[in-house]
Amino acid sequence: MNREQMNARAEKLVQKAIAKIDDHPKDVRAYYELGVLLTEFKDYEQAEQLLSKALGLFKDKSDLDLLNYGLGNVLYSADYFQKAINHFNEVKGQELRDEAILMIAQCEYALGNYKRSLAYALTVNEDNKIKDMGAKQLVADNFFALGDFQNARKYFDLILGKEPQNFEANFQRGIITLVLEGKKEADKYFEVAQKLDHKAFNKMKEQIIDIQKTIIAKQKK
């Protein structure tokens, strides 16, 4: 499918979603679905305007939760992380609360607030509230960013137990093993990562070289 065909398809889907709102102006999901569609096509400004306007049209708490959750996702996708957090915090109902907390954790991670992100991510990992491996990945990434390699290793192992072909988990697990155990033990993870995505591995290979240099420098002291 070429770009022209993709644009035509996108326009058709958007027009269909707009028609659904025209036919069912009191259906909150029609607004939410159009917002998702516009976000998917990276029309963040239109998506934000649509969902912000819709917030003034509905009063039911569950409807407002859905719109705030949708608006938070639009702003997250547009890299307005703090504004996104404000809307995710407005989600109060149980149906979407755990998903909203996970998105707050994602926003805090993007802002470099790893301790705050970890606290939120651990909350939704309690009792497997969210079974998506993405929640565990975020916990692992935060532990890794904070230099807590022991706990990061534990969570990456949980991910690899379910998703052995996960490129990022294999690569990061290799980095952790390189730091804690050495290159020989780390290579088994790097070899898998390289087979899974050769281009991505080559882009990230500089990390391996930098860590090896750091380890060698420490050994010489």
Protein backbone atom coordinates (compact mmCIF):
# COMPACT_ATOMS: atom_id res chain seq x y z
CA MET A 1 0.00 0.00 0.00
CA ASN A 2 1.56 3.32 -1.11
CA ARG A 3 1.32 6.65 0.77
CA GLU A 4 -1.57 7.91 -1.36
CA GLN A 5 -3.58 4.76 -0.69
CA MET A 6 -2.78 4.98 3.04
CA ASN A 7 -3.95 8.61 3.17
CA ALA A 8 -7.15 7.71 1.34
CA ARG A 9 -7.78 4.85 3.77
CA ALA A 10 -7.13 7.12 6.76
CA GLU A 11 -9.51 9.76 5.42
CA LYS A 12 -12.20 7.14 4.86
CA LEU A 13 -11.86 5.79 8.42
CA VAL A 14 -11.96 9.28 9.92
CA GLN A 15 -15.06 10.24 7.92
CA LYS A 16 -16.77 7.04 9.03
CA ALA A 17 -15.95 7.83 12.68
CA ILE A 18 -17.25 11.40 12.29
CA ALA A 19 -20.47 10.05 10.78
CA LYS A 20 -20.87 7.80 13.82
CA ILE A 21 -20.72 10.86 16.10
CA ASP A 22 -23.26 12.66 13.90
CA ASP A 23 -25.60 9.67 14.13
CA HIS A 24 -25.01 9.06 17.85
CA PRO A 25 -24.00 12.39 19.46
CA LYS A 26 -24.60 11.02 22.98
CA ASP A 27 -22.37 7.96 22.52
CA VAL A 28 -19.14 8.76 24.38
CA ARG A 29 -17.30 5.85 22.75
CA ALA A 30 -17.84 7.43 19.33
CA TYR A 31 -15.78 10.44 20.45
CA TYR A 32 -13.18 8.23 22.11
CA GLU A 33 -12.79 6.05 19.02
CA LEU A 34 -12.35 9.06 16.74
CA GLY A 35 -9.74 10.40 19.18
CA VAL A 36 -7.87 7.08 19.03
CA LEU A 37 -8.03 7.13 15.24
CA LEU A 38 -6.72 10.70 14.97
CA THR A 39 -3.92 9.83 17.40
CA GLU A 40 -3.01 6.77 15.35
CA PHE A 41 -2.68 9.04 12.31
CA LYS A 42 -0.64 11.53 14.42
CA ASP A 43 -3.21 14.32 14.16
CA TYR A 44 -2.69 15.14 17.84
CA GLU A 45 -4.05 18.69 17.69
CA GLN A 46 -7.41 17.61 16.26
CA ALA A 47 -7.61 14.68 18.68
CA GLU A 48 -6.94 16.95 21.67
CA GLN A 49 -9.53 19.49 20.51
CA LEU A 50 -12.13 16.78 19.93
CA LEU A 51 -11.75 15.10 23.33
CA SER A 52 -11.43 18.41 25.22
CA LYS A 53 -14.71 19.54 23.67
CA ALA A 54 -16.33 16.19 24.46
CA LEU A 55 -15.45 16.61 28.15
CA GLY A 56 -17.96 19.47 28.24
CA LEU A 57 -20.71 17.35 26.67
CA PHE A 58 -20.85 14.50 29.18
CA LYS A 59 -21.50 14.36 32.92
CA ASP A 60 -21.47 10.64 33.75
CA LYS A 61 -18.32 9.75 35.72
CA SER A 62 -17.50 6.68 33.62
CA ASP A 63 -17.86 8.75 30.43
CA LEU A 64 -15.53 11.41 31.83
CA ASP A 65 -13.04 8.70 32.84
CA LEU A 66 -12.96 7.37 29.28
CA LEU A 67 -12.48 10.84 27.78
CA ASN A 68 -9.75 11.79 30.26
CA TYR A 69 -8.00 8.49 29.62
CA GLY A 70 -8.22 9.07 25.87
CA LEU A 71 -7.00 12.66 26.19
CA GLY A 72 -4.11 11.51 28.37
CA ASN A 73 -3.07 9.06 25.65
CA VAL A 74 -3.24 11.78 23.00
CA LEU A 75 -0.99 14.06 25.05
CA TYR A 76 1.40 11.20 25.88
CA SER A 77 1.72 10.40 22.17
CA ALA A 78 2.42 14.09 21.49
CA ASP A 79 5.15 14.12 24.20
CA TYR A 80 3.20 16.44 26.53
CA PHE A 81 3.86 14.16 29.47
CA GLN A 82 2.96 16.44 32.39
CA LYS A 83 -0.32 17.48 30.76
CA ALA A 84 -1.04 13.80 30.12
CA ILE A 85 -0.46 12.99 33.81
CA ASN A 86 -3.02 15.65 34.78
CA HIS A 87 -5.70 13.89 32.74
CA PHE A 88 -4.75 10.37 33.82
CA ASN A 89 -5.11 11.57 37.42
CA GLU A 90 -8.71 12.51 36.65
CA VAL A 91 -9.56 8.85 35.96
CA LYS A 92 -11.20 7.70 39.20
CA GLY A 93 -13.30 4.64 38.32
CA GLN A 94 -11.95 1.11 38.80
CA GLU A 95 -12.52 0.10 35.18
CA LEU A 96 -9.70 2.28 33.83
CA ARG A 97 -7.82 3.28 36.99
CA ASP A 98 -5.06 0.65 36.75
CA GLU A 99 -4.47 1.44 33.06
CA ALA A 100 -4.31 5.16 33.94
CA ILE A 101 -1.77 4.50 36.71
CA LEU A 102 0.36 2.52 34.27
CA MET A 103 0.26 5.43 31.83
CA ILE A 104 1.28 7.83 34.62
CA ALA A 105 4.24 5.52 35.20
CA GLN A 106 5.07 5.69 31.48
CA CYS A 107 4.91 9.50 31.57
CA GLU A 108 7.14 9.73 34.65
CA TYR A 109 9.64 7.40 32.97
CA ALA A 110 9.66 9.59 29.86
CA LEU A 111 10.32 12.61 32.12
CA GLY A 112 13.27 10.81 33.73
CA ASN A 113 11.52 10.52 37.11
CA TYR A 114 12.47 6.87 37.55
CA LYS A 115 11.68 6.52 41.27
CA ARG A 116 8.20 7.96 40.79
CA SER A 117 7.65 5.85 37.69
CA LEU A 118 8.77 2.73 39.56
CA ALA A 119 6.36 3.40 42.42
CA TYR A 120 3.41 3.67 40.02
CA ALA A 121 4.53 0.69 37.94
CA LEU A 122 4.92 -1.53 41.01
CA THR A 123 1.40 -0.55 42.11
CA VAL A 124 -0.19 -2.02 38.97
CA ASN A 125 2.08 -5.07 39.11
CA GLU A 126 0.74 -6.02 42.54
CA ASP A 127 -1.43 -9.14 42.35
CA ASN A 128 -1.03 -9.03 38.54
CA LYS A 129 -3.60 -6.23 38.23
CA ILE A 130 -2.39 -5.77 34.65
CA LYS A 131 -1.21 -8.97 33.00
CA ASP A 132 0.39 -7.23 30.02
CA MET A 133 4.15 -7.83 29.97
CA GLY A 134 4.54 -4.12 29.23
CA ALA A 135 3.88 -3.37 32.90
CA LYS A 136 6.70 -5.70 33.97
CA GLN A 137 8.93 -4.26 31.25
CA LEU A 138 8.44 -0.79 32.73
CA VAL A 139 9.37 -2.03 36.22
CA ALA A 140 12.49 -3.68 34.79
CA ASP A 141 13.42 -0.55 32.82
CA ASN A 142 13.07 1.61 35.92
CA PHE A 143 15.21 -0.67 38.08
CA PHE A 144 17.76 -0.69 35.25
CA ALA A 145 17.74 3.12 34.97
CA LEU A 146 18.22 3.39 38.74
CA GLY A 147 21.19 1.00 38.63
CA ASP A 148 19.40 -1.71 40.63
CA PHE A 149 20.55 -4.54 38.39
CA GLN A 150 19.56 -7.35 40.76
CA ASN A 151 15.88 -6.39 40.70
CA ALA A 152 16.03 -5.48 37.02
CA ARG A 153 17.38 -8.97 36.30
CA LYS A 154 14.47 -10.53 38.21
CA TYR A 155 11.87 -8.70 36.13
CA PHE A 156 13.63 -9.23 32.80
CA ASP A 157 13.75 -12.95 33.61
CA LEU A 158 9.98 -12.90 34.24
CA ILE A 159 9.49 -11.28 30.83
CA LEU A 160 11.80 -13.71 29.04
CA GLY A 161 9.99 -16.62 30.69
CA LYS A 162 6.85 -15.52 28.83
CA GLU A 163 8.41 -13.82 25.80
CA PRO A 164 11.79 -15.43 24.99
CA GLN A 165 11.87 -13.58 21.65
CA ASN A 166 11.61 -10.12 23.24
CA PHE A 167 14.49 -8.10 21.74
CA GLU A 168 14.71 -5.38 24.39
CA ALA A 169 14.50 -7.83 27.30
CA ASN A 170 17.29 -9.97 25.80
CA PHE A 171 19.50 -6.96 25.12
CA GLN A 172 18.99 -5.39 28.56
CA ARG A 173 19.43 -8.78 30.25
CA GLY A 174 22.72 -9.05 28.39
CA ILE A 175 23.83 -5.64 29.66
CA ILE A 176 22.98 -6.63 33.24
CA THR A 177 24.85 -9.93 32.90
CA LEU A 178 27.83 -8.08 31.40
CA VAL A 179 27.98 -5.84 34.48
CA LEU A 180 27.34 -8.55 37.08
CA GLU A 181 28.98 -11.64 35.59
CA GLY A 182 31.08 -10.80 32.54
CA LYS A 183 31.03 -10.88 28.75
CA LYS A 184 31.11 -14.65 28.31
CA GLU A 185 27.87 -15.10 30.25
CA ALA A 186 26.30 -12.03 28.60
CA ASP A 187 26.95 -13.18 25.04
CA LYS A 188 24.12 -15.73 25.06
CA TYR A 189 21.61 -12.88 25.50
CA PHE A 190 23.34 -10.61 22.98
CA GLU A 191 23.40 -13.40 20.39
CA VAL A 192 19.63 -13.87 20.70
CA ALA A 193 19.03 -10.11 20.52
CA GLN A 194 21.22 -9.81 17.43
CA LYS A 195 19.31 -12.58 15.67
CA LEU A 196 15.97 -11.00 16.57
CA ASP A 197 16.81 -7.51 15.26
CA HIS A 198 20.23 -7.07 13.69
CA LYS A 199 19.76 -3.37 12.86
CA ALA A 200 18.54 -2.41 16.33
CA PHE A 201 21.35 -4.41 17.91
CA ASN A 202 23.99 -2.57 15.88
CA LYS A 203 22.51 0.79 16.90
CA MET A 204 22.67 -0.15 20.59
CA LYS A 205 26.02 -1.96 20.46
CA GLU A 206 27.83 1.18 21.62
CA GLN A 207 26.34 0.59 25.10
CA ILE A 208 28.15 -2.75 25.31
CA ILE A 209 31.47 -1.16 24.32
CA ASP A 210 31.05 1.68 26.84
CA ILE A 211 30.26 -0.72 29.69
CA GLN A 212 33.22 -2.93 28.81
CA LYS A 213 35.50 0.14 28.90
CA THR A 214 34.11 1.13 32.31
CA ILE A 215 34.63 -2.37 33.72
CA ILE A 216 38.22 -2.51 32.40
CA ALA A 217 38.96 0.94 33.85
CA LYS A 218 37.69 -0.15 37.28
CA GLN A 219 39.76 -3.33 37.16
CA LYS A 220 42.93 -1.30 36.52
CA LYS A 221 42.42 0.85 39.64
